[in-house]
N, C-alpha and C. Protein backbone atom coordinates (compact mmCIF):
# COMPACT_ATOMS: atom_id res chain seq x y z
N MET A 1 130.07 106.07 16.84
CA MET A 1 129.55 106.79 15.70
C MET A 1 130.32 108.12 15.60
N GLN A 2 130.67 108.50 14.40
CA GLN A 2 131.39 109.75 14.16
C GLN A 2 130.45 110.95 14.30
N LEU A 3 131.01 112.09 14.69
CA LEU A 3 130.19 113.29 14.89
C LEU A 3 129.36 113.69 13.67
N PRO A 4 129.93 113.68 12.45
CA PRO A 4 129.12 114.11 11.30
C PRO A 4 127.88 113.24 11.06
N ALA A 5 127.93 111.99 11.50
CA ALA A 5 126.76 111.13 11.32
C ALA A 5 125.59 111.58 12.19
N LEU A 6 125.88 112.20 13.32
CA LEU A 6 124.83 112.66 14.23
C LEU A 6 124.49 114.14 14.06
N PHE A 7 125.51 114.94 13.86
CA PHE A 7 125.34 116.39 13.92
C PHE A 7 125.79 117.08 12.64
N ARG A 8 125.62 116.44 11.50
CA ARG A 8 126.07 117.03 10.23
C ARG A 8 125.50 118.43 10.07
N ARG A 9 126.38 119.34 9.85
CA ARG A 9 126.05 120.75 9.65
C ARG A 9 125.37 121.36 10.86
N GLY A 10 126.17 121.69 11.84
CA GLY A 10 125.63 122.38 12.99
C GLY A 10 126.68 122.68 14.02
N VAL A 11 126.25 123.31 15.09
CA VAL A 11 127.11 123.68 16.20
C VAL A 11 126.58 122.96 17.43
N VAL A 12 127.49 122.31 18.17
CA VAL A 12 127.09 121.46 19.28
C VAL A 12 127.75 121.96 20.57
N ARG A 13 126.92 122.11 21.61
CA ARG A 13 127.40 122.49 22.93
C ARG A 13 127.13 121.34 23.89
N PRO A 14 128.18 120.75 24.48
CA PRO A 14 127.95 119.70 25.47
C PRO A 14 127.36 120.29 26.75
N LEU A 15 126.47 119.53 27.35
CA LEU A 15 125.80 120.01 28.57
C LEU A 15 126.37 119.40 29.84
N ASP A 16 127.27 118.42 29.71
CA ASP A 16 127.89 117.83 30.89
C ASP A 16 129.27 117.29 30.52
N ASP A 17 130.02 116.85 31.53
CA ASP A 17 131.39 116.35 31.32
C ASP A 17 131.41 115.13 30.41
N HIS A 18 130.47 114.23 30.60
CA HIS A 18 130.40 113.01 29.78
C HIS A 18 130.27 113.37 28.30
N ALA A 19 129.38 114.27 27.99
CA ALA A 19 129.18 114.68 26.59
C ALA A 19 130.44 115.35 26.05
N GLU A 20 131.05 116.21 26.83
CA GLU A 20 132.25 116.90 26.35
C GLU A 20 133.39 115.92 26.08
N ARG A 21 133.57 114.94 26.95
CA ARG A 21 134.63 113.93 26.73
C ARG A 21 134.41 113.18 25.42
N GLN A 22 133.17 112.76 25.17
CA GLN A 22 132.90 112.03 23.93
C GLN A 22 133.08 112.92 22.70
N LEU A 23 132.61 114.16 22.77
CA LEU A 23 132.76 115.06 21.65
C LEU A 23 134.24 115.35 21.36
N LEU A 24 135.05 115.47 22.40
CA LEU A 24 136.48 115.71 22.21
C LEU A 24 137.16 114.55 21.48
N GLN A 25 136.58 113.36 21.58
CA GLN A 25 137.11 112.19 20.87
C GLN A 25 136.56 112.10 19.46
N PHE A 26 135.62 112.96 19.11
CA PHE A 26 134.96 112.96 17.80
C PHE A 26 134.31 111.61 17.50
N SER A 27 133.94 110.91 18.56
CA SER A 27 133.27 109.63 18.40
C SER A 27 132.28 109.46 19.55
N ILE A 28 131.05 109.09 19.21
CA ILE A 28 129.99 108.98 20.21
C ILE A 28 129.71 107.50 20.47
N GLU A 29 129.77 107.13 21.76
CA GLU A 29 129.55 105.74 22.13
C GLU A 29 128.31 105.54 22.99
N ALA A 30 127.73 106.62 23.48
CA ALA A 30 126.57 106.52 24.37
C ALA A 30 125.73 107.78 24.19
N PRO A 31 124.49 107.75 24.67
CA PRO A 31 123.65 108.95 24.56
C PRO A 31 124.33 110.17 25.20
N LEU A 32 124.10 111.33 24.59
CA LEU A 32 124.71 112.57 25.05
C LEU A 32 123.66 113.61 25.41
N ARG A 33 124.01 114.48 26.33
CA ARG A 33 123.20 115.66 26.61
C ARG A 33 123.90 116.84 25.95
N VAL A 34 123.29 117.36 24.89
CA VAL A 34 123.89 118.46 24.14
C VAL A 34 122.81 119.45 23.70
N GLU A 35 123.26 120.62 23.31
CA GLU A 35 122.42 121.57 22.58
C GLU A 35 122.98 121.61 21.17
N TRP A 36 122.11 121.50 20.18
CA TRP A 36 122.54 121.46 18.78
C TRP A 36 121.86 122.58 18.02
N LEU A 37 122.66 123.41 17.37
CA LEU A 37 122.15 124.47 16.50
C LEU A 37 122.39 124.01 15.07
N PRO A 38 121.35 123.49 14.41
CA PRO A 38 121.55 122.88 13.09
C PRO A 38 121.60 123.90 11.95
N ILE A 39 122.31 123.49 10.91
CA ILE A 39 122.29 124.17 9.61
C ILE A 39 121.83 123.08 8.64
N LEU A 40 120.54 123.00 8.42
CA LEU A 40 119.96 121.82 7.80
C LEU A 40 120.12 121.72 6.29
N GLU A 41 120.32 122.82 5.61
CA GLU A 41 120.36 122.76 4.15
C GLU A 41 121.58 123.49 3.62
N ASP A 42 122.12 122.99 2.50
CA ASP A 42 123.30 123.61 1.88
C ASP A 42 123.09 125.09 1.56
N PRO A 43 121.94 125.49 1.00
CA PRO A 43 121.77 126.92 0.71
C PRO A 43 121.85 127.80 1.97
N PHE A 44 121.39 127.28 3.10
CA PHE A 44 121.48 128.05 4.34
C PHE A 44 122.93 128.17 4.78
N PHE A 45 123.69 127.07 4.67
CA PHE A 45 125.13 127.14 4.98
C PHE A 45 125.79 128.16 4.07
N ASP A 46 125.47 128.11 2.78
CA ASP A 46 126.06 129.05 1.81
C ASP A 46 125.74 130.50 2.17
N GLU A 47 124.50 130.74 2.63
CA GLU A 47 124.11 132.10 3.05
C GLU A 47 124.95 132.55 4.24
N ILE A 48 125.08 131.68 5.23
CA ILE A 48 125.87 132.02 6.42
C ILE A 48 127.33 132.24 6.02
N TRP A 49 127.86 131.33 5.20
CA TRP A 49 129.25 131.45 4.76
C TRP A 49 129.46 132.79 4.03
N GLY A 50 128.51 133.17 3.21
CA GLY A 50 128.60 134.40 2.45
C GLY A 50 128.62 135.66 3.29
N THR A 51 128.15 135.58 4.53
CA THR A 51 128.17 136.74 5.42
C THR A 51 129.55 137.00 6.01
N GLY A 52 130.44 136.00 5.93
CA GLY A 52 131.77 136.13 6.53
C GLY A 52 131.80 135.80 8.01
N LEU A 53 130.70 135.30 8.55
CA LEU A 53 130.62 134.99 9.98
C LEU A 53 131.71 134.01 10.41
N PHE A 54 131.77 132.87 9.75
CA PHE A 54 132.75 131.85 10.15
C PHE A 54 134.18 132.34 9.91
N GLN A 55 134.38 133.10 8.85
CA GLN A 55 135.70 133.64 8.56
C GLN A 55 136.16 134.60 9.66
N ARG A 56 135.23 135.43 10.18
CA ARG A 56 135.57 136.35 11.27
C ARG A 56 135.93 135.57 12.54
N ILE A 57 135.16 134.53 12.83
CA ILE A 57 135.48 133.70 14.00
C ILE A 57 136.84 133.04 13.81
N ASN A 58 137.08 132.50 12.62
CA ASN A 58 138.37 131.85 12.34
C ASN A 58 139.53 132.82 12.55
N GLN A 59 139.40 134.01 12.00
CA GLN A 59 140.48 134.99 12.10
C GLN A 59 140.72 135.39 13.56
N ALA A 60 139.65 135.59 14.31
CA ALA A 60 139.77 136.02 15.70
C ALA A 60 140.30 134.92 16.61
N CYS A 61 139.91 133.67 16.32
CA CYS A 61 140.20 132.57 17.25
C CYS A 61 141.28 131.61 16.75
N GLY A 62 141.76 131.80 15.53
CA GLY A 62 142.78 130.89 14.99
C GLY A 62 142.23 129.51 14.70
N THR A 63 140.98 129.45 14.26
CA THR A 63 140.33 128.17 13.96
C THR A 63 140.14 128.02 12.45
N ASN A 64 139.58 126.88 12.06
CA ASN A 64 139.31 126.62 10.64
C ASN A 64 137.89 126.07 10.49
N ILE A 65 136.91 126.88 10.83
CA ILE A 65 135.52 126.49 10.63
C ILE A 65 135.24 126.66 9.15
N SER A 66 134.94 125.56 8.47
CA SER A 66 134.67 125.61 7.03
C SER A 66 133.85 124.40 6.63
N ASP A 67 133.47 124.37 5.38
CA ASP A 67 132.62 123.29 4.87
C ASP A 67 133.33 121.95 5.00
N TYR A 68 132.62 120.95 5.46
CA TYR A 68 133.09 119.57 5.60
C TYR A 68 134.24 119.42 6.59
N GLU A 69 134.27 120.25 7.61
CA GLU A 69 135.29 120.17 8.65
C GLU A 69 134.62 120.08 10.01
N GLU A 70 135.33 119.49 10.95
CA GLU A 70 134.93 119.52 12.35
C GLU A 70 135.96 120.37 13.07
N GLU A 71 135.49 121.29 13.87
CA GLU A 71 136.40 122.22 14.55
C GLU A 71 135.93 122.43 15.98
N ILE A 72 136.89 122.43 16.90
CA ILE A 72 136.60 122.71 18.31
C ILE A 72 136.91 124.18 18.57
N LEU A 73 135.97 124.84 19.21
CA LEU A 73 136.20 126.20 19.69
C LEU A 73 136.38 126.07 21.20
N PRO A 74 137.63 126.10 21.68
CA PRO A 74 137.88 125.89 23.10
C PRO A 74 137.23 126.96 23.98
N ALA A 75 136.88 126.57 25.18
CA ALA A 75 136.20 127.48 26.11
C ALA A 75 136.91 128.82 26.27
N PRO A 76 138.26 128.86 26.37
CA PRO A 76 138.91 130.17 26.55
C PRO A 76 138.76 131.13 25.37
N THR A 77 138.36 130.62 24.20
CA THR A 77 138.21 131.49 23.02
C THR A 77 136.78 131.95 22.79
N LEU A 78 135.85 131.52 23.61
CA LEU A 78 134.44 131.81 23.34
C LEU A 78 134.11 133.30 23.37
N GLN A 79 134.67 134.04 24.31
CA GLN A 79 134.39 135.48 24.36
C GLN A 79 134.94 136.18 23.12
N THR A 80 136.07 135.72 22.62
CA THR A 80 136.63 136.28 21.39
C THR A 80 135.71 135.99 20.21
N ALA A 81 135.17 134.77 20.16
CA ALA A 81 134.23 134.41 19.09
C ALA A 81 132.96 135.24 19.17
N ILE A 82 132.46 135.46 20.37
CA ILE A 82 131.25 136.27 20.55
C ILE A 82 131.51 137.70 20.05
N ALA A 83 132.68 138.24 20.37
CA ALA A 83 133.02 139.59 19.89
C ALA A 83 133.09 139.61 18.36
N ALA A 84 133.61 138.55 17.75
CA ALA A 84 133.69 138.47 16.29
C ALA A 84 132.30 138.43 15.67
N ILE A 85 131.38 137.74 16.31
CA ILE A 85 130.00 137.68 15.81
C ILE A 85 129.39 139.08 15.84
N ARG A 86 129.65 139.80 16.90
CA ARG A 86 129.06 141.14 17.08
C ARG A 86 129.63 142.19 16.13
N THR A 87 130.79 141.93 15.53
CA THR A 87 131.43 142.94 14.68
C THR A 87 130.75 143.11 13.34
N GLY A 88 129.98 142.15 12.91
CA GLY A 88 129.34 142.29 11.60
C GLY A 88 128.12 141.42 11.47
N ARG A 89 127.00 141.94 11.87
CA ARG A 89 125.74 141.19 11.75
C ARG A 89 125.33 141.08 10.29
N PRO A 90 124.94 139.89 9.85
CA PRO A 90 124.49 139.73 8.47
C PRO A 90 123.13 140.38 8.24
N SER A 91 122.82 140.60 6.97
CA SER A 91 121.57 141.28 6.65
C SER A 91 120.42 140.33 6.35
N GLY A 92 120.70 139.07 6.02
CA GLY A 92 119.63 138.12 5.73
C GLY A 92 118.88 137.72 6.98
N ARG A 93 117.58 137.53 6.86
CA ARG A 93 116.76 137.18 8.02
C ARG A 93 117.23 135.88 8.66
N LEU A 94 117.44 134.84 7.85
CA LEU A 94 117.83 133.55 8.40
C LEU A 94 119.22 133.60 9.01
N SER A 95 120.16 134.23 8.33
CA SER A 95 121.51 134.27 8.87
C SER A 95 121.59 135.17 10.10
N ASP A 96 120.79 136.23 10.18
CA ASP A 96 120.76 137.06 11.38
C ASP A 96 120.22 136.26 12.56
N GLU A 97 119.16 135.50 12.32
CA GLU A 97 118.60 134.65 13.38
C GLU A 97 119.63 133.62 13.83
N PHE A 98 120.35 133.02 12.88
CA PHE A 98 121.38 132.05 13.22
C PHE A 98 122.46 132.72 14.09
N CYS A 99 122.88 133.92 13.74
CA CYS A 99 123.89 134.64 14.52
C CYS A 99 123.42 134.86 15.96
N GLN A 100 122.18 135.24 16.12
CA GLN A 100 121.63 135.45 17.47
C GLN A 100 121.65 134.14 18.25
N GLN A 101 121.24 133.05 17.61
CA GLN A 101 121.22 131.75 18.29
C GLN A 101 122.63 131.27 18.59
N LEU A 102 123.56 131.50 17.66
CA LEU A 102 124.95 131.10 17.88
C LEU A 102 125.55 131.89 19.03
N GLU A 103 125.30 133.18 19.05
CA GLU A 103 125.81 134.01 20.15
C GLU A 103 125.27 133.52 21.49
N ALA A 104 123.99 133.18 21.56
CA ALA A 104 123.40 132.67 22.80
C ALA A 104 124.03 131.34 23.19
N LEU A 105 124.24 130.45 22.22
CA LEU A 105 124.85 129.15 22.50
C LEU A 105 126.27 129.34 23.03
N LEU A 106 127.05 130.21 22.39
CA LEU A 106 128.42 130.45 22.84
C LEU A 106 128.45 131.10 24.21
N THR A 107 127.52 132.00 24.48
CA THR A 107 127.44 132.64 25.79
C THR A 107 127.14 131.61 26.87
N ASP A 108 126.19 130.72 26.62
CA ASP A 108 125.87 129.66 27.58
C ASP A 108 127.07 128.75 27.80
N ALA A 109 127.79 128.43 26.73
CA ALA A 109 128.97 127.57 26.85
C ALA A 109 130.06 128.28 27.67
N ALA A 110 130.22 129.58 27.47
CA ALA A 110 131.23 130.33 28.22
C ALA A 110 130.91 130.34 29.71
N VAL A 111 129.64 130.48 30.03
CA VAL A 111 129.22 130.49 31.44
C VAL A 111 129.57 129.17 32.12
N THR A 112 129.43 128.07 31.38
CA THR A 112 129.71 126.74 31.95
C THR A 112 131.13 126.27 31.65
N ASN A 113 131.93 127.12 30.98
CA ASN A 113 133.33 126.82 30.65
C ASN A 113 133.47 125.54 29.83
N ARG A 114 132.64 125.42 28.79
CA ARG A 114 132.67 124.25 27.92
C ARG A 114 133.03 124.65 26.50
N SER A 115 133.78 123.81 25.84
CA SER A 115 134.10 124.01 24.43
C SER A 115 132.85 123.83 23.58
N VAL A 116 132.92 124.34 22.35
CA VAL A 116 131.82 124.21 21.40
C VAL A 116 132.38 123.54 20.15
N PHE A 117 131.56 122.72 19.51
CA PHE A 117 132.00 121.91 18.38
C PHE A 117 131.23 122.31 17.13
N PHE A 118 131.97 122.69 16.10
CA PHE A 118 131.39 123.01 14.79
C PHE A 118 131.55 121.78 13.92
N VAL A 119 130.44 121.20 13.50
CA VAL A 119 130.45 119.99 12.66
C VAL A 119 129.85 120.39 11.33
N MET A 120 130.69 120.64 10.36
CA MET A 120 130.21 121.14 9.08
C MET A 120 130.31 120.07 8.02
């Protein structure tokens, strides 16, 4: 099964080697242990996009997190992404909460030296 079929619109952190290997293939063949930070509705994605959050991460990390894309944020870039998040907190309640949750997810991934997957 392709990643967007399982995790459409969200950020995924693998919790073990097995999950990370499958996510790196962008195809899921067995149950996975992951943490998923969902973006369940288009208006919420639009709000987050409007804050410039993903654009700051892209600029800092050389990635292309955008609508209808899957992007890997490699473990060595996680601290850079966290710094990009901290440079401009959004003003909306939902997007601010999302930023806090994303920062926590990236911090946990950095501690375990695991990549993070953006499935938009």
